[in-house]
Protein backbone atom coordinates (compact mmCIF):
# COMPACT_ATOMS: atom_id res chain seq x y z
CA MET A 1 0.20 -0.24 -0.03
CA GLY A 2 3.02 2.11 -0.57
CA PHE A 3 1.43 4.19 -3.51
CA LEU A 4 -1.67 4.93 -1.03
CA LYS A 5 0.54 6.94 1.07
CA ASN A 6 0.74 10.25 -0.97
CA ILE A 7 -3.19 10.49 -1.02
CA PRO A 8 -4.89 11.96 1.80
CA ARG A 9 -6.32 9.81 4.35
CA GLU A 10 -9.80 11.85 3.77
CA LYS A 11 -9.54 11.11 0.12
CA ARG A 12 -8.84 7.35 0.27
CA ASN A 13 -11.96 6.99 2.62
CA LYS A 14 -14.04 8.96 0.49
CA PHE A 15 -12.95 6.63 -2.29
CA ALA A 16 -13.65 3.71 -0.36
CA HIS A 17 -17.05 4.44 0.62
CA THR A 18 -17.89 5.52 -2.85
CA LEU A 19 -16.55 2.13 -3.96
CA ALA A 20 -18.80 0.43 -1.28
CA GLY A 21 -21.80 2.14 -2.49
CA VAL A 22 -21.28 1.23 -5.92
CA VAL A 23 -20.86 -2.30 -4.85
CA ILE A 24 -23.82 -2.26 -2.74
CA LEU A 25 -25.80 -0.77 -5.75
CA ILE A 26 -24.66 -3.40 -8.03
CA HIS A 27 -25.73 -6.21 -5.66
CA ALA A 28 -29.05 -4.36 -5.55
CA TYR A 29 -29.46 -4.85 -9.31
CA GLU A 30 -28.41 -8.49 -9.04
CA LYS A 31 -31.22 -9.02 -6.35
CA PHE A 32 -33.71 -7.26 -8.84
CA VAL A 33 -32.83 -9.29 -11.74
CA HIS A 34 -33.20 -12.43 -9.65
CA HIS A 35 -36.60 -11.07 -8.11
CA SER A 36 -35.52 -11.31 -4.61
CA ASP A 37 -37.17 -9.51 -1.87
CA THR A 38 -34.15 -7.81 -0.54
CA TRP A 39 -33.36 -5.86 -3.70
CA TRP A 40 -35.07 -2.75 -2.39
CA ILE A 41 -32.91 -2.66 0.98
CA PHE A 42 -29.71 -2.69 -0.93
CA PHE A 43 -31.04 0.02 -3.31
CA PHE A 44 -32.09 2.23 -0.34
CA PHE A 45 -28.59 1.65 1.69
CA GLY A 46 -26.71 2.16 -1.40
CA LEU A 47 -28.28 5.56 -2.30
CA LEU A 48 -28.06 6.40 1.60
CA ILE A 49 -23.91 5.82 1.29
CA PHE A 50 -23.88 8.08 -1.62
CA ALA A 51 -25.71 10.56 0.12
CA LEU A 52 -23.39 10.46 3.20
CA VAL A 53 -20.36 10.66 0.90
CA ILE A 54 -21.54 13.76 -0.72
CA PHE A 55 -22.65 15.47 2.31
CA HIS A 56 -19.80 14.17 4.60
CA ASP A 57 -17.95 17.47 5.34
CA ARG A 58 -21.15 19.07 6.24
CA ILE A 59 -22.82 16.36 8.23
CA HIS A 60 -19.42 15.56 10.27
CA HIS A 61 -19.09 18.77 11.98
CA ARG A 62 -22.61 18.25 13.81
CA PHE A 63 -22.43 14.14 13.80
CA PRO A 64 -18.84 13.48 14.53
CA GLY A 65 -19.45 9.78 14.54
CA ILE A 66 -20.81 9.81 10.53
CA ASP A 67 -17.69 7.30 9.75
CA ALA A 68 -19.34 4.96 12.25
CA ALA A 69 -22.81 4.92 9.99
CA PHE A 70 -20.61 3.50 7.05
CA PHE A 71 -19.93 0.61 9.21
CA PHE A 72 -23.08 0.36 10.56
CA ILE A 73 -24.98 0.18 7.17
CA GLU A 74 -22.43 -2.18 5.78
CA GLY A 75 -22.89 -4.26 9.17
CA ILE A 76 -26.95 -4.13 8.61
CA LEU A 77 -26.79 -5.44 4.90
CA MET A 78 -24.19 -8.31 6.24
CA PHE A 79 -27.19 -9.52 8.19
CA VAL A 80 -29.71 -8.71 5.36
CA THR A 81 -27.31 -11.14 2.82
CA ALA A 82 -27.02 -14.01 5.81
CA TYR A 83 -30.98 -13.95 6.04
CA TYR A 84 -31.17 -14.44 2.39
CA TYR A 85 -28.82 -17.00 2.36
CA PHE A 86 -30.36 -18.90 5.16
CA THR A 87 -33.98 -18.72 3.51
CA HIS A 88 -31.99 -20.31 0.44
CA HIS A 89 -31.18 -23.12 2.39
CA LYS A 90 -27.38 -22.49 2.13
CA THR A 91 -25.08 -24.64 4.44
CA TYR A 92 -22.07 -22.36 5.39
CA LEU A 93 -21.94 -19.02 3.50
CA PRO A 94 -24.79 -17.47 5.90
CA TYR A 95 -22.57 -18.16 8.87
CA ALA A 96 -19.75 -16.09 7.02
CA TYR A 97 -22.05 -13.11 6.67
CA LEU A 98 -23.26 -13.08 10.40
CA LEU A 99 -19.63 -13.34 11.36
CA THR A 100 -18.74 -10.27 9.06
CA GLY A 101 -21.87 -8.64 10.43
CA THR A 102 -21.06 -8.71 13.99
CA VAL A 103 -17.49 -7.36 13.17
CA TYR A 104 -18.80 -4.53 11.44
CA MET A 105 -21.16 -3.76 14.55
CA VAL A 106 -18.38 -3.82 16.79
CA LEU A 107 -16.37 -1.63 14.55
CA THR A 108 -19.27 0.48 14.51
CA PHE A 109 -19.19 0.76 18.34
CA PHE A 110 -15.25 1.77 18.60
CA LYS A 111 -15.50 3.92 15.62
CA TYR A 112 -18.60 5.77 17.09
CA ARG A 113 -16.79 6.29 20.66
CA LYS A 114 -13.77 7.46 18.74
CA GLY A 115 -15.60 10.02 16.94
CA ARG A 116 -17.29 11.33 19.95
CA ARG A 117 -13.99 12.12 21.75
């Protein structure tokens, strides 16, 4: 990651969150095409991530824990994906998403506490 050291942290974070929003919207489209009931959840949260990225600077002054919101949204989506795989009788994949969602929620807690200081 040596080439990323020259880019300011704020720009790297903004790029990472934008990329996450794109991936979530692609996932929403994939769910929509396959007639899944969860497509609208991914679409809504994908748009929400884009809104948070666009207005991040304005929101950050009033709500310093805004970065925790990104982790919270991604954690919720991990749980929704786990639910989807459980309802489609997948064997082990839902547990990986449950673990990932739990990790995101723990990160949300720590990021929120760090943002409030």
